[in-house]
Amino acid sequence: MRIDEFQQLMETTYGEQDRDRGMPSTVAWLCEEVGELAQAVRKGTREQQLHELGDVLAWLSSLANQLDLSLTDAAQRYVTNPP
């Protein structure tokens, strides 16, 4: 699945409820998931790490959707002008 397809899937599946929740809550959930990913990287199994990566990607997609931004466009910077 391409990143833009995944972002659209998150919009279709969760977009309305994510917007109702709001960006501050979405950022809080994203941060929580990043913390869970960090813990899985330190102590978790490969399956737990994969699960948490998916959660981070889902919440990042939700935030991008609420900001009306494209993750594909955000990633393009690393293609055209990497830091």
N, C-alpha and C. Protein backbone atom coordinates (compact mmCIF):
# COMPACT_ATOMS: atom_id res chain seq x y z
N MET A 1 0.85 -1.17 0.00
CA MET A 1 0.00 0.00 0.00
C MET A 1 0.90 1.24 0.00
N ARG A 2 0.54 2.21 -0.80
CA ARG A 2 1.26 3.47 -0.86
C ARG A 2 0.83 4.37 0.31
N ILE A 3 1.71 5.28 0.67
CA ILE A 3 1.44 6.13 1.82
C ILE A 3 0.20 6.99 1.61
N ASP A 4 -0.03 7.47 0.38
CA ASP A 4 -1.23 8.28 0.13
C ASP A 4 -2.49 7.44 0.23
N GLU A 5 -2.40 6.18 -0.15
CA GLU A 5 -3.55 5.28 -0.02
C GLU A 5 -3.85 5.02 1.45
N PHE A 6 -2.81 4.85 2.25
CA PHE A 6 -3.00 4.63 3.68
C PHE A 6 -3.61 5.87 4.32
N GLN A 7 -3.11 7.04 3.95
CA GLN A 7 -3.65 8.28 4.51
C GLN A 7 -5.13 8.41 4.16
N GLN A 8 -5.50 8.07 2.95
CA GLN A 8 -6.91 8.12 2.55
C GLN A 8 -7.74 7.09 3.31
N LEU A 9 -7.19 5.90 3.54
CA LEU A 9 -7.88 4.88 4.32
C LEU A 9 -8.17 5.39 5.73
N MET A 10 -7.19 6.06 6.34
CA MET A 10 -7.40 6.61 7.69
C MET A 10 -8.47 7.70 7.67
N GLU A 11 -8.49 8.49 6.61
CA GLU A 11 -9.53 9.53 6.49
C GLU A 11 -10.91 8.89 6.36
N THR A 12 -11.02 7.91 5.51
CA THR A 12 -12.30 7.24 5.29
C THR A 12 -12.78 6.53 6.55
N THR A 13 -11.87 5.88 7.24
CA THR A 13 -12.22 5.07 8.40
C THR A 13 -12.44 5.89 9.66
N TYR A 14 -11.57 6.86 9.90
CA TYR A 14 -11.57 7.57 11.18
C TYR A 14 -11.69 9.09 11.08
N GLY A 15 -11.74 9.63 9.87
CA GLY A 15 -11.65 11.08 9.68
C GLY A 15 -12.62 11.89 10.50
N GLU A 16 -13.89 11.54 10.45
CA GLU A 16 -14.90 12.33 11.16
C GLU A 16 -14.67 12.31 12.66
N GLN A 17 -14.45 11.13 13.22
CA GLN A 17 -14.26 11.06 14.67
C GLN A 17 -12.94 11.69 15.09
N ASP A 18 -11.92 11.62 14.23
CA ASP A 18 -10.65 12.27 14.55
C ASP A 18 -10.81 13.78 14.57
N ARG A 19 -11.53 14.34 13.61
CA ARG A 19 -11.77 15.79 13.61
C ARG A 19 -12.61 16.21 14.81
N ASP A 20 -13.58 15.38 15.19
CA ASP A 20 -14.38 15.68 16.39
C ASP A 20 -13.50 15.69 17.64
N ARG A 21 -12.52 14.80 17.69
CA ARG A 21 -11.60 14.72 18.83
C ARG A 21 -10.71 15.95 18.86
N GLY A 22 -10.28 16.41 17.67
CA GLY A 22 -9.47 17.62 17.57
C GLY A 22 -7.98 17.36 17.52
N MET A 23 -7.27 18.35 17.03
CA MET A 23 -5.82 18.22 16.86
C MET A 23 -5.06 18.08 18.17
N PRO A 24 -5.38 18.84 19.22
CA PRO A 24 -4.62 18.65 20.46
C PRO A 24 -4.69 17.20 20.98
N SER A 25 -5.85 16.61 20.93
CA SER A 25 -5.98 15.22 21.37
C SER A 25 -5.27 14.27 20.43
N THR A 26 -5.32 14.56 19.14
CA THR A 26 -4.62 13.72 18.16
C THR A 26 -3.12 13.76 18.41
N VAL A 27 -2.58 14.93 18.67
CA VAL A 27 -1.15 15.04 18.98
C VAL A 27 -0.82 14.27 20.25
N ALA A 28 -1.68 14.36 21.25
CA ALA A 28 -1.45 13.61 22.50
C ALA A 28 -1.43 12.11 22.24
N TRP A 29 -2.38 11.62 21.44
CA TRP A 29 -2.42 10.19 21.11
C TRP A 29 -1.18 9.79 20.32
N LEU A 30 -0.77 10.63 19.37
CA LEU A 30 0.43 10.34 18.59
C LEU A 30 1.64 10.23 19.51
N CYS A 31 1.78 11.15 20.44
CA CYS A 31 2.90 11.10 21.38
C CYS A 31 2.87 9.84 22.23
N GLU A 32 1.68 9.47 22.67
CA GLU A 32 1.55 8.24 23.45
C GLU A 32 1.99 7.03 22.64
N GLU A 33 1.59 6.99 21.38
CA GLU A 33 1.97 5.86 20.52
C GLU A 33 3.47 5.84 20.25
N VAL A 34 4.08 7.02 20.11
CA VAL A 34 5.54 7.07 19.93
C VAL A 34 6.22 6.50 21.18
N GLY A 35 5.70 6.82 22.35
CA GLY A 35 6.23 6.26 23.59
C GLY A 35 6.10 4.74 23.62
N GLU A 36 4.96 4.23 23.19
CA GLU A 36 4.76 2.78 23.14
C GLU A 36 5.71 2.14 22.13
N LEU A 37 5.96 2.82 21.01
CA LEU A 37 6.91 2.31 20.04
C LEU A 37 8.31 2.26 20.64
N ALA A 38 8.70 3.32 21.36
CA ALA A 38 10.02 3.34 22.00
C ALA A 38 10.17 2.16 22.97
N GLN A 39 9.13 1.89 23.73
CA GLN A 39 9.17 0.77 24.67
C GLN A 39 9.27 -0.56 23.91
N ALA A 40 8.53 -0.69 22.82
CA ALA A 40 8.58 -1.92 22.03
C ALA A 40 9.96 -2.11 21.40
N VAL A 41 10.59 -1.02 21.00
CA VAL A 41 11.93 -1.12 20.42
C VAL A 41 12.91 -1.61 21.48
N ARG A 42 12.76 -1.10 22.70
CA ARG A 42 13.68 -1.49 23.78
C ARG A 42 13.44 -2.90 24.28
N LYS A 43 12.18 -3.27 24.47
CA LYS A 43 11.88 -4.51 25.18
C LYS A 43 10.92 -5.44 24.47
N GLY A 44 10.36 -5.01 23.35
CA GLY A 44 9.29 -5.78 22.73
C GLY A 44 9.77 -6.77 21.70
N THR A 45 8.81 -7.53 21.24
CA THR A 45 9.06 -8.49 20.17
C THR A 45 8.95 -7.79 18.83
N ARG A 46 9.36 -8.46 17.80
CA ARG A 46 9.24 -7.92 16.44
C ARG A 46 7.77 -7.62 16.11
N GLU A 47 6.87 -8.49 16.54
CA GLU A 47 5.44 -8.29 16.29
C GLU A 47 4.93 -7.06 17.02
N GLN A 48 5.37 -6.83 18.26
CA GLN A 48 4.95 -5.65 19.01
C GLN A 48 5.50 -4.38 18.36
N GLN A 49 6.72 -4.44 17.88
CA GLN A 49 7.31 -3.29 17.19
C GLN A 49 6.53 -2.95 15.93
N LEU A 50 6.18 -3.96 15.17
CA LEU A 50 5.41 -3.75 13.95
C LEU A 50 4.04 -3.15 14.27
N HIS A 51 3.40 -3.66 15.30
CA HIS A 51 2.10 -3.16 15.74
C HIS A 51 2.20 -1.67 16.10
N GLU A 52 3.20 -1.31 16.88
CA GLU A 52 3.34 0.08 17.32
C GLU A 52 3.73 1.00 16.16
N LEU A 53 4.53 0.52 15.22
CA LEU A 53 4.83 1.31 14.03
C LEU A 53 3.54 1.64 13.28
N GLY A 54 2.66 0.67 13.17
CA GLY A 54 1.38 0.89 12.50
C GLY A 54 0.53 1.92 13.24
N ASP A 55 0.54 1.85 14.57
CA ASP A 55 -0.23 2.82 15.35
C ASP A 55 0.31 4.23 15.15
N VAL A 56 1.63 4.38 15.16
CA VAL A 56 2.23 5.70 14.95
C VAL A 56 1.88 6.22 13.57
N LEU A 57 1.97 5.37 12.57
CA LEU A 57 1.63 5.78 11.21
C LEU A 57 0.16 6.20 11.11
N ALA A 58 -0.72 5.48 11.77
CA ALA A 58 -2.15 5.81 11.74
C ALA A 58 -2.41 7.17 12.37
N TRP A 59 -1.83 7.45 13.54
CA TRP A 59 -2.05 8.72 14.20
C TRP A 59 -1.38 9.86 13.45
N LEU A 60 -0.22 9.60 12.85
CA LEU A 60 0.44 10.62 12.03
C LEU A 60 -0.43 10.95 10.82
N SER A 61 -1.04 9.94 10.22
CA SER A 61 -1.94 10.15 9.10
C SER A 61 -3.15 10.97 9.52
N SER A 62 -3.69 10.67 10.69
CA SER A 62 -4.83 11.43 11.20
C SER A 62 -4.47 12.90 11.36
N LEU A 63 -3.31 13.17 11.93
CA LEU A 63 -2.89 14.54 12.12
C LEU A 63 -2.70 15.25 10.78
N ALA A 64 -2.06 14.58 9.84
CA ALA A 64 -1.87 15.16 8.51
C ALA A 64 -3.22 15.47 7.87
N ASN A 65 -4.17 14.57 8.01
CA ASN A 65 -5.50 14.80 7.44
C ASN A 65 -6.16 16.02 8.06
N GLN A 66 -6.05 16.15 9.37
CA GLN A 66 -6.67 17.30 10.05
C GLN A 66 -5.99 18.61 9.66
N LEU A 67 -4.70 18.54 9.34
CA LEU A 67 -3.97 19.72 8.90
C LEU A 67 -4.14 19.96 7.40
N ASP A 68 -4.82 19.05 6.73
CA ASP A 68 -5.01 19.10 5.27
C ASP A 68 -3.65 19.11 4.55
N LEU A 69 -2.78 18.22 5.02
CA LEU A 69 -1.45 18.06 4.44
C LEU A 69 -1.26 16.62 3.96
N SER A 70 -0.40 16.47 2.99
CA SER A 70 -0.12 15.16 2.41
C SER A 70 1.19 14.59 2.97
N LEU A 71 1.13 13.37 3.49
CA LEU A 71 2.35 12.72 3.94
C LEU A 71 3.28 12.45 2.76
N THR A 72 2.73 12.23 1.59
CA THR A 72 3.55 12.06 0.39
C THR A 72 4.35 13.32 0.13
N ASP A 73 3.68 14.47 0.23
CA ASP A 73 4.38 15.74 0.03
C ASP A 73 5.44 15.95 1.11
N ALA A 74 5.12 15.59 2.34
CA ALA A 74 6.09 15.74 3.43
C ALA A 74 7.32 14.87 3.19
N ALA A 75 7.10 13.65 2.70
CA ALA A 75 8.22 12.74 2.44
C ALA A 75 9.04 13.18 1.24
N GLN A 76 8.43 13.90 0.32
CA GLN A 76 9.12 14.32 -0.90
C GLN A 76 10.36 15.16 -0.61
N ARG A 77 10.33 15.87 0.47
CA ARG A 77 11.49 16.68 0.86
C ARG A 77 12.75 15.83 0.98
N TYR A 78 12.60 14.59 1.41
CA TYR A 78 13.75 13.72 1.56
C TYR A 78 14.24 13.19 0.22
N VAL A 79 13.41 13.31 -0.80
CA VAL A 79 13.81 12.92 -2.15
C VAL A 79 14.53 14.09 -2.83
N THR A 80 13.94 15.27 -2.72
CA THR A 80 14.45 16.41 -3.47
C THR A 80 15.52 17.22 -2.73
N ASN A 81 15.43 17.28 -1.40
CA ASN A 81 16.38 18.11 -0.66
C ASN A 81 16.57 17.55 0.75
N PRO A 82 17.23 16.40 0.87
CA PRO A 82 17.37 15.79 2.20
C PRO A 82 18.17 16.68 3.14
N PRO A 83 17.77 16.69 4.41
CA PRO A 83 18.49 17.52 5.39
C PRO A 83 19.90 17.00 5.66
